Amino acid sequence: MSEAYELFGCGTDELYTIAVSGFGYDTDADLVAYWETHGINFRGISQDGGSGPIASTYNIGAYPTYILIAPNHDIVEQDMWPISNTTTFVNYFEGNGLTQAPCPDMAADFSVDAFDICEGGTANFTDESEGAIISWNWTFEGGNPATSTDPNPSVTYDAAGTYYVELTVTDGLETLSTLMEDYIETFEYPVVTQEDFGLVCVQWAPIELTGGLPEGGEYSGDYVTDGMFDPAAAGVGDHVITYTYANEAGCESYVEEILTVDACTGVDENAANSVKVYPNPTTDMINVKAASLMNSIQVFNHLGQLVLEKEVNANTTQIGTSEFKSGLYSIRLKTDNGYILKSVVVK
């Protein structure tokens, strides 16, 4: 025969069976004792020890003999005699053209569904080892669990850091290990803050939402579109605005802040009248003069976008408008007496 038959181990259950017939061993225990005495470690026929059952099951007309039986119970070779131990078994097989199938090359290898995860996240590992592996031993630095014997374990990483993973596999004969340094990196969630939105009047055009840190996040909420909030559509009252930011690893945090839309009718009329904005209309410069101390000035265009903001700490100031596009602008002044709103047209 030229076909190769797997006769020994390699971590698989698909081994060929050596059946013994005709030696006066009429029980399984006797048969096992015979094999042990001769150092033969092949698997015997389950529940078929003894001369009679083997002969009748496989229709053997003459014995004593040895028989090589395939996993599907086909007889591959019979009438092999005399053979006294494991060594002569191998020699006899090879002399009859039966060779031991080579065990497949072994390799310890694995993959993971995500190398970069957020703290508290889970990484799912997949064994990709080669060979007839029968056991797995994993070590996960910084992971929970820290070790596992599952072929494809899932591991949670609670703290930010960079961690190694090690896998040891065996086929029952050979043991191999693979260590991957700095294999998993776990990132912290970003700290996200939002400044107070300040005064927003119901009659304003849509305003640009700002003040979220780190910069580069996104605003969401009712009456928010592309980072713009529409006070007129929202109406007077409190509205929840959410600012969400995700770092480069995809770890996402958010903060919620109340934006209050005011009717803006409660400003003392005398205080409003005490502020002069001129010339109006203007082209290059706006002069602002107030009876009380001004703390800051913000200028919004007709879309509600903030185009200028500066600290003042004085009763008078000037605002250059030469770079402004033509249109209507709202000026919001913060004074010791509260907020005062003025409008100006830039030609």
Protein backbone atom coordinates (compact mmCIF):
# COMPACT_ATOMS: atom_id res chain seq x y z
CA MET A 1 0.00 0.00 0.00
CA SER A 2 1.16 3.51 -0.71
CA GLU A 3 -1.45 5.42 1.29
CA ALA A 4 -0.19 6.91 4.57
CA TYR A 5 -2.14 6.16 7.72
CA GLU A 6 -1.95 8.21 10.90
CA LEU A 7 -0.95 5.78 13.60
CA PHE A 8 0.29 7.96 16.41
CA GLY A 9 -1.20 10.93 18.28
CA CYS A 10 -0.81 14.45 16.84
CA GLY A 11 -3.58 15.52 19.19
CA THR A 12 -6.44 14.01 17.21
CA ASP A 13 -9.03 11.39 18.09
CA GLU A 14 -9.02 10.02 14.54
CA LEU A 15 -6.46 7.27 15.28
CA TYR A 16 -6.39 3.88 13.70
CA THR A 17 -7.09 0.93 15.95
CA ILE A 18 -4.93 -2.13 16.49
CA ALA A 19 -7.19 -5.06 17.29
CA VAL A 20 -5.85 -8.20 18.94
CA SER A 21 -7.53 -11.52 18.34
CA GLY A 22 -6.87 -15.06 19.48
CA PHE A 23 -4.66 -14.87 22.56
CA GLY A 24 -7.16 -16.17 25.07
CA TYR A 25 -8.00 -12.70 26.42
CA ASP A 26 -11.75 -12.87 26.78
CA THR A 27 -12.39 -9.57 28.61
CA ASP A 28 -11.55 -5.95 28.03
CA ALA A 29 -9.48 -5.94 31.21
CA ASP A 30 -7.37 -8.85 29.95
CA LEU A 31 -6.84 -7.17 26.61
CA VAL A 32 -5.81 -3.87 28.19
CA ALA A 33 -3.43 -5.72 30.49
CA TYR A 34 -1.84 -7.41 27.49
CA TRP A 35 -1.32 -4.10 25.71
CA GLU A 36 0.17 -2.51 28.82
CA THR A 37 2.51 -5.46 29.31
CA HIS A 38 3.92 -5.03 25.83
CA GLY A 39 4.09 -1.23 25.96
CA ILE A 40 1.52 -0.81 23.22
CA ASN A 41 -0.33 2.51 23.59
CA PHE A 42 -2.68 2.32 20.61
CA ARG A 43 -6.38 2.43 21.21
CA GLY A 44 -8.22 -0.91 21.33
CA ILE A 45 -11.68 -1.58 19.92
CA SER A 46 -14.20 -0.10 22.38
CA GLN A 47 -16.22 -2.78 24.15
CA ASP A 48 -14.87 -5.49 21.82
CA GLY A 49 -12.02 -7.05 23.80
CA GLY A 50 -11.38 -10.79 23.45
CA SER A 51 -11.05 -13.32 20.64
CA GLY A 52 -14.68 -14.13 19.99
CA PRO A 53 -16.14 -10.59 19.56
CA ILE A 54 -13.27 -9.41 17.35
CA ALA A 55 -13.41 -12.49 15.12
CA SER A 56 -17.17 -12.31 14.67
CA THR A 57 -17.35 -8.54 14.20
CA TYR A 58 -14.69 -8.44 11.51
CA ASN A 59 -15.31 -11.91 9.99
CA ILE A 60 -11.82 -13.15 10.71
CA GLY A 61 -11.42 -16.81 9.89
CA ALA A 62 -8.01 -17.45 11.36
CA TYR A 63 -6.29 -16.22 14.48
CA PRO A 64 -4.13 -15.40 16.45
CA THR A 65 -3.59 -12.16 14.45
CA TYR A 66 -3.31 -8.37 14.64
CA ILE A 67 -5.61 -6.16 12.57
CA LEU A 68 -5.27 -2.46 11.56
CA ILE A 69 -8.75 -0.91 11.55
CA ALA A 70 -9.57 2.56 10.18
CA PRO A 71 -11.78 5.09 12.04
CA ASN A 72 -14.75 4.09 9.85
CA HIS A 73 -14.16 0.46 10.96
CA ASP A 74 -12.85 -0.66 7.60
CA ILE A 75 -10.05 -3.23 7.86
CA VAL A 76 -6.89 -1.70 6.39
CA GLU A 77 -4.52 -4.62 7.05
CA GLN A 78 -4.92 -7.95 8.86
CA ASP A 79 -3.06 -11.20 9.56
CA MET A 80 -0.08 -9.27 10.90
CA TRP A 81 1.82 -11.80 13.03
CA PRO A 82 4.01 -12.29 14.98
CA ILE A 83 4.38 -8.82 16.57
CA SER A 84 5.48 -8.48 20.16
CA ASN A 85 5.79 -4.72 20.93
CA THR A 86 5.33 -1.18 19.62
CA THR A 87 8.64 -1.09 17.76
CA THR A 88 7.89 -4.22 15.75
CA PHE A 89 4.41 -2.84 15.03
CA VAL A 90 5.96 0.15 13.27
CA ASN A 91 8.50 -1.99 11.44
CA TYR A 92 5.80 -4.39 10.29
CA PHE A 93 3.54 -1.57 9.05
CA GLU A 94 6.35 0.02 7.10
CA GLY A 95 7.32 -3.35 5.67
CA ASN A 96 3.78 -3.70 4.35
CA GLY A 97 3.74 -0.20 2.79
CA LEU A 98 1.90 1.46 5.67
CA THR A 99 3.59 4.69 6.80
CA GLN A 100 2.88 7.06 9.63
CA ALA A 101 1.20 10.23 8.38
CA PRO A 102 3.30 13.27 9.29
CA CYS A 103 1.93 15.43 12.06
CA PRO A 104 1.04 18.90 10.74
CA ASP A 105 3.45 21.74 11.53
CA MET A 106 2.51 23.57 14.72
CA ALA A 107 2.32 27.33 15.18
CA ALA A 108 0.90 29.42 18.01
CA ASP A 109 -0.94 32.38 16.55
CA PHE A 110 -4.02 34.51 17.21
CA SER A 111 -5.90 37.66 16.18
CA VAL A 112 -8.17 40.17 17.89
CA ASP A 113 -11.15 42.20 16.68
CA ALA A 114 -9.76 45.51 18.04
CA PHE A 115 -6.24 46.56 19.05
CA ASP A 116 -7.33 49.99 20.34
CA ILE A 117 -10.24 50.04 22.79
CA CYS A 118 -11.71 52.37 25.37
CA GLU A 119 -11.25 51.68 29.08
CA GLY A 120 -13.87 49.18 30.19
CA GLY A 121 -14.12 47.82 26.64
CA THR A 122 -13.87 44.20 25.52
CA ALA A 123 -11.43 42.59 23.07
CA ASN A 124 -12.45 39.32 21.40
CA PHE A 125 -9.53 36.99 20.63
CA THR A 126 -9.52 34.26 17.99
CA ASP A 127 -7.09 31.34 17.99
CA GLU A 128 -5.38 30.95 14.62
CA SER A 129 -2.82 28.35 15.65
CA GLU A 130 -1.84 25.60 13.23
CA GLY A 131 -1.69 21.92 14.05
CA ALA A 132 -3.87 19.53 16.02
CA ILE A 133 -4.16 21.75 19.09
CA ILE A 134 -5.73 20.18 22.17
CA SER A 135 -5.22 22.89 24.79
CA TRP A 136 -4.80 26.67 25.00
CA ASN A 137 -3.32 28.79 27.78
CA TRP A 138 -3.68 32.57 27.45
CA THR A 139 -2.16 35.35 29.55
CA PHE A 140 -3.66 38.85 29.32
CA GLU A 141 -1.68 41.62 30.97
CA GLY A 142 -4.13 44.14 32.44
CA GLY A 143 -7.10 42.05 31.33
CA ASN A 144 -10.08 40.51 33.04
CA PRO A 145 -9.77 37.54 33.09
CA ALA A 146 -6.00 37.61 33.38
CA THR A 147 -5.75 34.03 32.07
CA SER A 148 -7.96 31.69 30.04
CA THR A 149 -8.00 28.18 28.60
CA ASP A 150 -10.76 28.92 26.08
CA PRO A 151 -9.78 28.76 22.40
CA ASN A 152 -11.46 32.11 21.66
CA PRO A 153 -11.75 34.17 24.84
CA SER A 154 -13.23 37.64 25.40
CA VAL A 155 -11.28 39.97 27.71
CA THR A 156 -12.23 43.28 29.36
CA TYR A 157 -9.64 46.01 29.96
CA ASP A 158 -10.66 48.36 32.76
CA ALA A 159 -7.67 50.73 32.90
CA ALA A 160 -5.92 52.76 30.22
CA GLY A 161 -2.51 51.42 29.21
CA THR A 162 -0.58 49.21 26.78
CA TYR A 163 -0.59 45.46 27.42
CA TYR A 164 0.97 42.23 26.13
CA VAL A 165 -0.87 39.00 25.23
CA GLU A 166 0.68 35.52 25.33
CA LEU A 167 -0.72 32.25 23.97
CA THR A 168 0.68 28.78 24.70
CA VAL A 169 -0.69 25.78 22.77
CA THR A 170 0.04 22.08 22.70
CA ASP A 171 -0.94 19.09 20.61
CA GLY A 172 -0.06 16.69 23.39
CA LEU A 173 3.46 16.19 22.06
CA GLU A 174 4.82 19.66 21.35
CA THR A 175 4.23 22.97 23.14
CA LEU A 176 4.68 26.38 21.53
CA SER A 177 4.16 29.98 22.76
CA THR A 178 3.68 33.35 21.10
CA LEU A 179 4.15 36.60 23.04
CA MET A 180 2.89 39.87 21.52
CA GLU A 181 4.26 42.92 23.34
CA ASP A 182 2.21 46.15 23.38
CA TYR A 183 -0.57 44.29 21.58
CA ILE A 184 -3.60 45.96 23.18
CA GLU A 185 -3.82 49.70 23.88
CA THR A 186 -6.62 50.98 26.08
CA PHE A 187 -7.56 54.68 26.07
CA GLU A 188 -9.23 56.92 28.64
CA TYR A 189 -12.51 58.62 27.86
CA PRO A 190 -12.04 62.35 27.18
CA VAL A 191 -13.07 64.96 29.75
CA VAL A 192 -15.67 67.16 28.05
CA THR A 193 -16.82 70.60 29.27
CA GLN A 194 -19.19 73.27 28.02
CA GLU A 195 -19.17 76.97 28.90
CA ASP A 196 -22.38 78.72 29.89
CA PHE A 197 -24.22 79.85 26.78
CA GLY A 198 -25.04 83.21 28.32
CA LEU A 199 -28.00 85.33 27.26
CA VAL A 200 -29.94 84.24 24.17
CA CYS A 201 -32.95 86.29 23.08
CA VAL A 202 -35.98 84.77 21.44
CA GLN A 203 -36.02 87.32 18.63
CA TRP A 204 -32.49 86.48 17.52
CA ALA A 205 -31.66 84.74 14.30
CA PRO A 206 -30.05 81.26 14.65
CA ILE A 207 -26.82 81.46 16.64
CA GLU A 208 -23.65 79.38 16.45
CA LEU A 209 -23.09 77.18 19.52
CA THR A 210 -19.59 77.52 20.97
CA GLY A 211 -17.67 76.88 24.19
CA GLY A 212 -17.38 73.08 24.03
CA LEU A 213 -13.99 71.59 24.93
CA PRO A 214 -12.03 69.82 23.56
CA GLU A 215 -12.79 71.57 20.30
CA GLY A 216 -13.95 69.54 17.34
CA GLY A 217 -17.01 67.93 18.88
CA GLU A 218 -20.64 68.04 17.79
CA TYR A 219 -23.72 69.76 19.20
CA SER A 220 -27.12 68.13 19.28
CA GLY A 221 -30.56 68.78 20.73
CA ASP A 222 -33.92 70.18 19.75
CA TYR A 223 -33.70 73.13 17.35
CA VAL A 224 -29.98 72.44 16.69
CA THR A 225 -28.85 72.00 13.07
CA ASP A 226 -25.18 71.84 12.03
CA GLY A 227 -24.08 73.52 15.24
CA MET A 228 -26.64 76.33 14.96
CA PHE A 229 -29.43 76.90 17.51
CA ASP A 230 -32.68 78.64 16.47
CA PRO A 231 -34.03 80.67 19.43
CA ALA A 232 -37.20 81.77 17.62
CA ALA A 233 -38.17 78.17 16.80
CA ALA A 234 -37.24 76.97 20.29
CA GLY A 235 -39.19 79.66 22.11
CA VAL A 236 -38.72 81.15 25.56
CA GLY A 237 -37.55 78.62 28.17
CA ASP A 238 -34.80 76.14 29.03
CA HIS A 239 -33.43 73.83 26.35
CA VAL A 240 -30.97 70.93 26.79
CA ILE A 241 -27.96 71.16 24.49
CA THR A 242 -25.55 68.19 24.27
CA TYR A 243 -21.91 68.55 23.30
CA THR A 244 -20.23 65.26 22.28
CA TYR A 245 -16.54 64.69 21.64
CA ALA A 246 -14.70 61.52 20.54
CA ASN A 247 -10.90 61.17 20.69
CA GLU A 248 -8.81 59.54 17.96
CA ALA A 249 -9.39 56.10 19.49
CA GLY A 250 -13.14 56.58 19.20
CA CYS A 251 -13.69 56.93 22.97
CA GLU A 252 -16.68 59.24 23.25
CA SER A 253 -17.88 61.49 26.10
CA TYR A 254 -20.55 64.16 26.29
CA VAL A 255 -21.84 66.95 28.50
CA GLU A 256 -25.31 68.48 28.72
CA GLU A 257 -25.85 72.19 29.31
CA ILE A 258 -29.03 74.22 29.65
CA LEU A 259 -29.47 77.02 27.12
CA THR A 260 -32.06 79.52 28.28
CA VAL A 261 -33.95 81.54 25.71
CA ASP A 262 -35.07 84.85 27.19
CA ALA A 263 -37.80 87.20 26.01
CA CYS A 264 -35.25 90.01 26.51
CA THR A 265 -37.90 92.47 27.67
CA GLY A 266 -36.67 92.81 31.22
CA VAL A 267 -33.68 95.07 30.58
CA ASP A 268 -34.15 98.43 32.19
CA GLU A 269 -35.14 100.81 29.41
CA ASN A 270 -33.14 103.63 30.94
CA ALA A 271 -30.05 101.37 31.00
CA ALA A 272 -30.59 100.48 27.35
CA ASN A 273 -31.01 104.11 26.45
CA SER A 274 -27.79 104.92 28.31
CA VAL A 275 -25.79 103.05 25.63
CA LYS A 276 -25.00 104.85 22.41
CA VAL A 277 -23.85 103.03 19.25
CA TYR A 278 -22.84 105.31 16.37
CA PRO A 279 -22.63 105.98 13.53
CA ASN A 280 -25.51 103.75 12.52
CA PRO A 281 -25.39 102.77 9.65
CA THR A 282 -21.61 102.53 9.50
CA THR A 283 -18.86 101.39 7.16
CA ASP A 284 -15.52 101.18 8.97
CA MET A 285 -16.00 101.86 12.69
CA ILE A 286 -18.58 101.62 15.46
CA ASN A 287 -18.30 103.79 18.56
CA VAL A 288 -19.85 102.38 21.72
CA LYS A 289 -20.44 104.56 24.76
CA ALA A 290 -22.20 103.48 27.97
CA ALA A 291 -23.13 105.25 31.18
CA SER A 292 -21.95 102.27 33.23
CA LEU A 293 -18.80 100.17 33.00
CA MET A 294 -18.80 97.67 30.11
CA ASN A 295 -17.21 94.25 30.79
CA SER A 296 -17.37 92.64 27.35
CA ILE A 297 -18.83 93.02 23.86
CA GLN A 298 -20.02 90.36 21.43
CA VAL A 299 -21.06 91.02 17.82
CA PHE A 300 -23.30 88.56 15.93
CA ASN A 301 -24.16 88.57 12.24
CA HIS A 302 -27.70 88.03 10.89
CA LEU A 303 -27.19 84.23 11.10
CA GLY A 304 -26.45 84.47 14.80
CA GLN A 305 -22.77 83.64 14.26
CA LEU A 306 -20.31 85.27 16.63
CA VAL A 307 -18.00 87.43 14.52
CA LEU A 308 -16.25 89.42 17.25
CA GLU A 309 -15.75 89.20 20.99
CA LYS A 310 -13.55 91.28 23.26
CA GLU A 311 -13.09 92.29 26.86
CA VAL A 312 -13.62 96.00 27.53
CA ASN A 313 -13.52 97.12 31.19
CA ALA A 314 -14.31 100.71 30.19
CA ASN A 315 -17.21 103.06 29.43
CA THR A 316 -16.22 103.60 25.81
CA THR A 317 -14.75 101.45 23.04
CA GLN A 318 -14.53 101.18 19.28
CA ILE A 319 -15.23 98.25 16.98
CA GLY A 320 -13.66 98.05 13.54
CA THR A 321 -16.16 96.89 10.91
CA SER A 322 -14.16 97.23 7.69
CA GLU A 323 -13.86 93.41 7.43
CA PHE A 324 -17.58 92.86 8.10
CA LYS A 325 -19.89 91.95 5.25
CA SER A 326 -22.79 94.27 4.62
CA GLY A 327 -25.84 93.49 6.72
CA LEU A 328 -27.53 93.71 10.09
CA TYR A 329 -25.48 92.96 13.22
CA SER A 330 -26.47 92.49 16.85
CA ILE A 331 -24.24 93.87 19.60
CA ARG A 332 -24.48 92.34 23.05
CA LEU A 333 -22.87 94.32 25.85
CA LYS A 334 -22.30 92.96 29.32
CA THR A 335 -22.32 95.75 31.91
CA ASP A 336 -22.47 95.92 35.66
CA ASN A 337 -26.23 96.35 35.24
CA GLY A 338 -26.71 93.26 33.05
CA TYR A 339 -26.89 92.57 29.31
CA ILE A 340 -27.87 95.29 26.83
CA LEU A 341 -28.69 94.60 23.18
CA LYS A 342 -28.15 96.98 20.29
CA SER A 343 -28.37 96.65 16.52
CA VAL A 344 -26.27 98.25 13.84
CA VAL A 345 -26.23 98.16 10.03
CA VAL A 346 -22.93 97.81 8.21
CA LYS A 347 -22.88 99.08 4.63
